[in-house]
Amino acid sequence: SEISEYDKYMYYEDSVRKKTVCPIEWESKAWI
């Protein structure tokens, strides 16, 4: 909730993309 820089946020999202074919599909299962 305190992420203050968009570029840092986007770097993390890109890191997730590199590790999974469909990030939102992984997230849905991983959160549960």
All heavy atoms as atom14 arrays in JSON, in Angstrom:
{
  "sequence": "SEISEYDKYMYYEDSVRKKTVCPIEWESKAWI",
  "atom14_mask": [
    [1, 1, 1, 1, 1, 1, 0, 0, 0, 0, 0, 0, 0, 0],
    [1, 1, 1, 1, 1, 1, 1, 1, 1, 0, 0, 0, 0, 0],
    [1, 1, 1, 1, 1, 1, 1, 1, 0, 0, 0, 0, 0, 0],
    [1, 1, 1, 1, 1, 1, 0, 0, 0, 0, 0, 0, 0, 0],
    [1, 1, 1, 1, 1, 1, 1, 1, 1, 0, 0, 0, 0, 0],
    [1, 1, 1, 1, 1, 1, 1, 1, 1, 1, 1, 1, 0, 0],
    [1, 1, 1, 1, 1, 1, 1, 1, 0, 0, 0, 0, 0, 0],
    [1, 1, 1, 1, 1, 1, 1, 1, 1, 0, 0, 0, 0, 0],
    [1, 1, 1, 1, 1, 1, 1, 1, 1, 1, 1, 1, 0, 0],
    [1, 1, 1, 1, 1, 1, 1, 1, 0, 0, 0, 0, 0, 0],
    [1, 1, 1, 1, 1, 1, 1, 1, 1, 1, 1, 1, 0, 0],
    [1, 1, 1, 1, 1, 1, 1, 1, 1, 1, 1, 1, 0, 0],
    [1, 1, 1, 1, 1, 1, 1, 1, 1, 0, 0, 0, 0, 0],
    [1, 1, 1, 1, 1, 1, 1, 1, 0, 0, 0, 0, 0, 0],
    [1, 1, 1, 1, 1, 1, 0, 0, 0, 0, 0, 0, 0, 0],
    [1, 1, 1, 1, 1, 1, 1, 0, 0, 0, 0, 0, 0, 0],
    [1, 1, 1, 1, 1, 1, 1, 1, 1, 1, 1, 0, 0, 0],
    [1, 1, 1, 1, 1, 1, 1, 1, 1, 0, 0, 0, 0, 0],
    [1, 1, 1, 1, 1, 1, 1, 1, 1, 0, 0, 0, 0, 0],
    [1, 1, 1, 1, 1, 1, 1, 0, 0, 0, 0, 0, 0, 0],
    [1, 1, 1, 1, 1, 1, 1, 0, 0, 0, 0, 0, 0, 0],
    [1, 1, 1, 1, 1, 1, 0, 0, 0, 0, 0, 0, 0, 0],
    [1, 1, 1, 1, 1, 1, 1, 0, 0, 0, 0, 0, 0, 0],
    [1, 1, 1, 1, 1, 1, 1, 1, 0, 0, 0, 0, 0, 0],
    [1, 1, 1, 1, 1, 1, 1, 1, 1, 0, 0, 0, 0, 0],
    [1, 1, 1, 1, 1, 1, 1, 1, 1, 1, 1, 1, 1, 1],
    [1, 1, 1, 1, 1, 1, 1, 1, 1, 0, 0, 0, 0, 0],
    [1, 1, 1, 1, 1, 1, 0, 0, 0, 0, 0, 0, 0, 0],
    [1, 1, 1, 1, 1, 1, 1, 1, 1, 0, 0, 0, 0, 0],
    [1, 1, 1, 1, 1, 0, 0, 0, 0, 0, 0, 0, 0, 0],
    [1, 1, 1, 1, 1, 1, 1, 1, 1, 1, 1, 1, 1, 1],
    [1, 1, 1, 1, 1, 1, 1, 1, 0, 0, 0, 0, 0, 0]
  ],
  "atom14_positions": [
    [[0.81, -1.22, 0.0], [0.0, 0.0, 0.0], [0.84, 1.27, 0.0], [0.31, 2.37, -0.19], [-0.93, 0.01, 1.21], [-0.19, -0.01, 2.42], [0.0, 0.0, 0.0], [0.0, 0.0, 0.0], [0.0, 0.0, 0.0], [0.0, 0.0, 0.0], [0.0, 0.0, 0.0], [0.0, 0.0, 0.0], [0.0, 0.0, 0.0], [0.0, 0.0, 0.0]],
    [[2.16, 1.12, 0.18], [3.04, 2.29, 0.25], [3.96, 2.4, -0.96], [4.89, 3.22, -0.95], [3.85, 2.25, 1.54], [2.98, 2.35, 2.8], [3.79, 2.27, 4.08], [5.03, 2.16, 4.0], [3.18, 2.3, 5.16], [0.0, 0.0, 0.0], [0.0, 0.0, 0.0], [0.0, 0.0, 0.0], [0.0, 0.0, 0.0], [0.0, 0.0, 0.0]],
    [[3.72, 1.61, -2.0], [4.54, 1.71, -3.21], [4.34, 3.11, -3.79], [3.24, 3.5, -4.15], [4.13, 0.66, -4.25], [4.29, -0.76, -3.68], [4.97, 0.81, -5.53], [3.69, -1.85, -4.56], [0.0, 0.0, 0.0], [0.0, 0.0, 0.0], [0.0, 0.0, 0.0], [0.0, 0.0, 0.0], [0.0, 0.0, 0.0], [0.0, 0.0, 0.0]],
    [[5.44, 3.87, -3.88], [5.33, 5.28, -4.27], [5.83, 5.56, -5.68], [5.62, 6.66, -6.19], [6.1, 6.16, -3.27], [7.47, 5.79, -3.24], [0.0, 0.0, 0.0], [0.0, 0.0, 0.0], [0.0, 0.0, 0.0], [0.0, 0.0, 0.0], [0.0, 0.0, 0.0], [0.0, 0.0, 0.0], [0.0, 0.0, 0.0], [0.0, 0.0, 0.0]],
    [[6.5, 4.58, -6.3], [7.06, 4.8, -7.64], [6.47, 3.79, -8.62], [6.56, 2.58, -8.41], [8.58, 4.67, -7.62], [9.27, 5.73, -6.77], [10.76, 5.54, -6.75], [11.34, 5.24, -7.81], [11.36, 5.67, -5.66], [0.0, 0.0, 0.0], [0.0, 0.0, 0.0], [0.0, 0.0, 0.0], [0.0, 0.0, 0.0], [0.0, 0.0, 0.0]],
    [[5.88, 4.31, -9.69], [5.25, 3.41, -10.65], [6.27, 2.5, -11.32], [5.99, 1.32, -11.56], [4.48, 4.2, -11.72], [3.65, 3.3, -12.6], [2.35, 2.97, -12.23], [4.17, 2.75, -13.77], [1.59, 2.11, -13.0], [3.42, 1.9, -14.56], [2.13, 1.58, -14.16], [1.38, 0.7, -14.94], [0.0, 0.0, 0.0], [0.0, 0.0, 0.0]],
    [[7.44, 3.01, -11.62], [8.45, 2.2, -12.31], [8.87, 0.99, -11.49], [9.11, -0.09, -12.04], [9.68, 3.05, -12.65], [9.4, 4.04, -13.78], [8.36, 3.89, -14.45], [10.21, 4.96, -13.97], [0.0, 0.0, 0.0], [0.0, 0.0, 0.0], [0.0, 0.0, 0.0], [0.0, 0.0, 0.0], [0.0, 0.0, 0.0], [0.0, 0.0, 0.0]],
    [[8.98, 1.16, -10.17], [9.33, 0.02, -9.31], [8.2, -1.01, -9.31], [8.45, -2.22, -9.31], [9.61, 0.51, -7.88], [10.93, 1.22, -7.73], [11.21, 1.54, -6.27], [12.6, 2.18, -6.12], [12.9, 2.5, -4.7], [0.0, 0.0, 0.0], [0.0, 0.0, 0.0], [0.0, 0.0, 0.0], [0.0, 0.0, 0.0], [0.0, 0.0, 0.0]],
    [[6.99, -0.51, -9.28], [5.83, -1.41, -9.35], [5.85, -2.19, -10.66], [5.67, -3.41, -10.68], [4.53, -0.6, -9.24], [3.34, -1.26, -9.88], [2.71, -2.34, -9.26], [2.87, -0.85, -11.14], [1.64, -2.98, -9.88], [1.81, -1.48, -11.74], [1.19, -2.54, -11.11], [0.13, -3.18, -11.72], [0.0, 0.0, 0.0], [0.0, 0.0, 0.0]],
    [[6.09, -1.49, -11.77], [6.07, -2.13, -13.09], [7.21, -3.13, -13.25], [7.05, -4.16, -13.9], [6.14, -1.06, -14.17], [5.79, -1.59, -15.56], [4.1, -2.21, -15.66], [4.37, -3.72, -16.61], [0.0, 0.0, 0.0], [0.0, 0.0, 0.0], [0.0, 0.0, 0.0], [0.0, 0.0, 0.0], [0.0, 0.0, 0.0], [0.0, 0.0, 0.0]],
    [[8.34, -2.84, -12.64], [9.47, -3.78, -12.69], [9.07, -5.11, -12.04], [9.41, -6.19, -12.54], [10.69, -3.19, -11.96], [11.89, -4.09, -11.97], [12.76, -4.12, -13.06], [12.16, -4.93, -10.89], [13.86, -4.96, -13.08], [13.26, -5.77, -10.89], [14.11, -5.78, -11.99], [15.2, -6.63, -12.0], [0.0, 0.0, 0.0], [0.0, 0.0, 0.0]],
    [[8.33, -5.01, -10.94], [7.87, -6.24, -10.25], [6.89, -7.0, -11.14], [6.97, -8.22, -11.27], [7.23, -5.88, -8.92], [6.94, -7.1, -8.06], [7.85, -7.55, -7.13], [5.74, -7.8, -8.2], [7.6, -8.67, -6.36], [5.48, -8.92, -7.44], [6.41, -9.35, -6.52], [6.15, -10.48, -5.78], [0.0, 0.0, 0.0], [0.0, 0.0, 0.0]],
    [[5.95, -6.29, -11.73], [4.97, -6.94, -12.61], [5.68, -7.64, -13.78], [5.31, -8.75, -14.16], [3.97, -5.91, -13.14], [3.01, -5.36, -12.11], [1.89, -6.33, -11.73], [1.68, -7.34, -12.45], [1.21, -6.07, -10.73], [0.0, 0.0, 0.0], [0.0, 0.0, 0.0], [0.0, 0.0, 0.0], [0.0, 0.0, 0.0], [0.0, 0.0, 0.0]],
    [[6.7, -6.99, -14.34], [7.46, -7.6, -15.44], [8.19, -8.85, -14.97], [8.31, -9.83, -15.72], [8.47, -6.59, -16.0], [7.84, -5.61, -16.98], [6.79, -5.96, -17.57], [8.38, -4.51, -17.16], [0.0, 0.0, 0.0], [0.0, 0.0, 0.0], [0.0, 0.0, 0.0], [0.0, 0.0, 0.0], [0.0, 0.0, 0.0], [0.0, 0.0, 0.0]],
    [[8.67, -8.83, -13.72], [9.34, -10.01, -13.17], [8.39, -11.2, -13.08], [8.77, -12.33, -13.35], [9.91, -9.69, -11.78], [10.87, -8.65, -11.84], [0.0, 0.0, 0.0], [0.0, 0.0, 0.0], [0.0, 0.0, 0.0], [0.0, 0.0, 0.0], [0.0, 0.0, 0.0], [0.0, 0.0, 0.0], [0.0, 0.0, 0.0], [0.0, 0.0, 0.0]],
    [[7.15, -10.91, -12.72], [6.14, -11.96, -12.65], [5.84, -12.5, -14.05], [5.71, -13.71, -14.25], [4.84, -11.43, -11.99], [3.72, -12.47, -12.07], [5.11, -11.04, -10.54], [0.0, 0.0, 0.0], [0.0, 0.0, 0.0], [0.0, 0.0, 0.0], [0.0, 0.0, 0.0], [0.0, 0.0, 0.0], [0.0, 0.0, 0.0], [0.0, 0.0, 0.0]],
    [[5.75, -11.62, -15.01], [5.46, -12.02, -16.39], [6.53, -12.98, -16.93], [6.23, -13.9, -17.7], [5.39, -10.8, -17.3], [4.08, -10.05, -17.21], [4.12, -8.82, -18.08], [2.82, -8.17, -18.16], [2.61, -6.99, -18.69], [3.64, -6.31, -19.2], [1.41, -6.46, -18.73], [0.0, 0.0, 0.0], [0.0, 0.0, 0.0], [0.0, 0.0, 0.0]],
    [[7.76, -12.75, -16.53], [8.86, -13.59, -17.02], [8.82, -15.0, -16.43], [9.42, -15.92, -16.98], [10.2, -12.94, -16.7], [10.46, -11.65, -17.47], [11.72, -10.96, -16.99], [11.95, -9.65, -17.72], [13.13, -8.91, -17.22], [0.0, 0.0, 0.0], [0.0, 0.0, 0.0], [0.0, 0.0, 0.0], [0.0, 0.0, 0.0], [0.0, 0.0, 0.0]],
    [[8.09, -15.15, -15.33], [8.08, -16.44, -14.64], [6.81, -17.26, -14.87], [6.72, -18.4, -14.46], [8.24, -16.21, -13.13], [9.58, -15.6, -12.72], [10.72, -16.59, -12.95], [12.05, -16.0, -12.48], [12.2, -16.02, -11.02], [0.0, 0.0, 0.0], [0.0, 0.0, 0.0], [0.0, 0.0, 0.0], [0.0, 0.0, 0.0], [0.0, 0.0, 0.0]],
    [[5.81, -16.67, -15.5], [4.55, -17.38, -15.7], [3.89, -16.97, -17.0], [3.99, -15.82, -17.42], [3.58, -17.13, -14.52], [2.36, -17.83, -14.74], [3.28, -15.66, -14.35], [0.0, 0.0, 0.0], [0.0, 0.0, 0.0], [0.0, 0.0, 0.0], [0.0, 0.0, 0.0], [0.0, 0.0, 0.0], [0.0, 0.0, 0.0], [0.0, 0.0, 0.0]],
    [[3.21, -17.9, -17.66], [2.59, -17.64, -18.95], [1.43, -16.65, -18.83], [1.3, -15.71, -19.61], [2.08, -18.95, -19.6], [1.34, -18.65, -20.89], [3.25, -19.89, -19.85], [0.0, 0.0, 0.0], [0.0, 0.0, 0.0], [0.0, 0.0, 0.0], [0.0, 0.0, 0.0], [0.0, 0.0, 0.0], [0.0, 0.0, 0.0], [0.0, 0.0, 0.0]],
    [[0.61, -16.86, -17.8], [-0.55, -15.99, -17.58], [-0.54, -15.53, -16.12], [-1.03, -16.25, -15.24], [-1.85, -16.72, -17.91], [-3.34, -15.69, -17.74], [0.0, 0.0, 0.0], [0.0, 0.0, 0.0], [0.0, 0.0, 0.0], [0.0, 0.0, 0.0], [0.0, 0.0, 0.0], [0.0, 0.0, 0.0], [0.0, 0.0, 0.0], [0.0, 0.0, 0.0]],
    [[0.02, -14.37, -15.84], [0.14, -13.89, -14.46], [-1.15, -13.89, -13.65], [-1.17, -14.31, -12.5], [0.68, -12.46, -14.64], [1.45, -12.52, -15.9], [0.64, -13.42, -16.8], [0.0, 0.0, 0.0], [0.0, 0.0, 0.0], [0.0, 0.0, 0.0], [0.0, 0.0, 0.0], [0.0, 0.0, 0.0], [0.0, 0.0, 0.0], [0.0, 0.0, 0.0]],
    [[-2.25, -13.42, -14.25], [-3.49, -13.33, -13.49], [-4.05, -14.71, -13.14], [-4.69, -14.89, -12.11], [-4.55, -12.49, -14.26], [-5.7, -12.06, -13.34], [-5.07, -13.23, -15.48], [-5.3, -11.08, -12.25], [0.0, 0.0, 0.0], [0.0, 0.0, 0.0], [0.0, 0.0, 0.0], [0.0, 0.0, 0.0], [0.0, 0.0, 0.0], [0.0, 0.0, 0.0]],
    [[-3.77, -15.69, -13.99], [-4.19, -17.06, -13.69], [-3.39, -17.6, -12.52], [-3.93, -18.26, -11.62], [-4.0, -17.94, -14.93], [-4.56, -19.35, -14.8], [-6.07, -19.4, -14.73], [-6.73, -18.5, -15.28], [-6.6, -20.34, -14.1], [0.0, 0.0, 0.0], [0.0, 0.0, 0.0], [0.0, 0.0, 0.0], [0.0, 0.0, 0.0], [0.0, 0.0, 0.0]],
    [[-2.07, -17.34, -12.54], [-1.22, -17.76, -11.41], [-1.67, -17.07, -10.13], [-1.8, -17.7, -9.08], [0.25, -17.43, -11.7], [1.12, -17.68, -10.5], [1.68, -18.87, -10.13], [1.48, -16.73, -9.49], [2.38, -18.72, -8.94], [2.26, -17.41, -8.53], [1.23, -15.37, -9.31], [2.8, -16.78, -7.41], [1.74, -14.73, -8.18], [2.53, -15.44, -7.25]],
    [[-1.92, -15.77, -10.21], [-2.31, -15.0, -9.03], [-3.59, -15.52, -8.4], [-3.68, -15.62, -7.17], [-2.48, -13.52, -9.42], [-2.8, -12.59, -8.26], [-4.29, -12.49, -7.94], [-5.1, -12.9, -8.78], [-4.63, -12.0, -6.85], [0.0, 0.0, 0.0], [0.0, 0.0, 0.0], [0.0, 0.0, 0.0], [0.0, 0.0, 0.0], [0.0, 0.0, 0.0]],
    [[-4.56, -15.86, -9.22], [-5.85, -16.34, -8.71], [-5.67, -17.6, -7.88], [-6.29, -17.76, -6.82], [-6.81, -16.6, -9.87], [-7.11, -15.4, -10.55], [0.0, 0.0, 0.0], [0.0, 0.0, 0.0], [0.0, 0.0, 0.0], [0.0, 0.0, 0.0], [0.0, 0.0, 0.0], [0.0, 0.0, 0.0], [0.0, 0.0, 0.0], [0.0, 0.0, 0.0]],
    [[-4.8, -18.5, -8.34], [-4.55, -19.74, -7.62], [-3.62, -19.52, -6.43], [-3.81, -20.09, -5.36], [-3.96, -20.78, -8.57], [-4.89, -21.19, -9.7], [-4.19, -22.11, -10.69], [-5.11, -22.48, -11.85], [-4.41, -23.31, -12.87], [0.0, 0.0, 0.0], [0.0, 0.0, 0.0], [0.0, 0.0, 0.0], [0.0, 0.0, 0.0], [0.0, 0.0, 0.0]],
    [[-2.6, -18.69, -6.64], [-1.6, -18.45, -5.6], [-2.21, -17.74, -4.39], [-1.85, -18.04, -3.24], [-0.44, -17.63, -6.16], [0.0, 0.0, 0.0], [0.0, 0.0, 0.0], [0.0, 0.0, 0.0], [0.0, 0.0, 0.0], [0.0, 0.0, 0.0], [0.0, 0.0, 0.0], [0.0, 0.0, 0.0], [0.0, 0.0, 0.0], [0.0, 0.0, 0.0]],
    [[-3.12, -16.79, -4.64], [-3.74, -16.07, -3.52], [-4.52, -17.03, -2.63], [-4.42, -16.99, -1.4], [-4.66, -14.96, -4.04], [-5.02, -13.96, -2.98], [-4.41, -12.77, -2.74], [-6.06, -14.08, -2.0], [-5.01, -12.13, -1.67], [-6.01, -12.92, -1.19], [-7.01, -15.07, -1.71], [-6.89, -12.72, -0.13], [-7.89, -14.87, -0.65], [-7.83, -13.7, 0.12]],
    [[-5.29, -17.91, -3.26], [-6.08, -18.88, -2.49], [-5.17, -19.83, -1.73], [-5.42, -20.17, -0.56], [-7.02, -19.67, -3.43], [-8.06, -18.73, -4.04], [-7.7, -20.82, -2.69], [-8.91, -19.36, -5.13], [0.0, 0.0, 0.0], [0.0, 0.0, 0.0], [0.0, 0.0, 0.0], [0.0, 0.0, 0.0], [0.0, 0.0, 0.0], [0.0, 0.0, 0.0]]
  ]
}
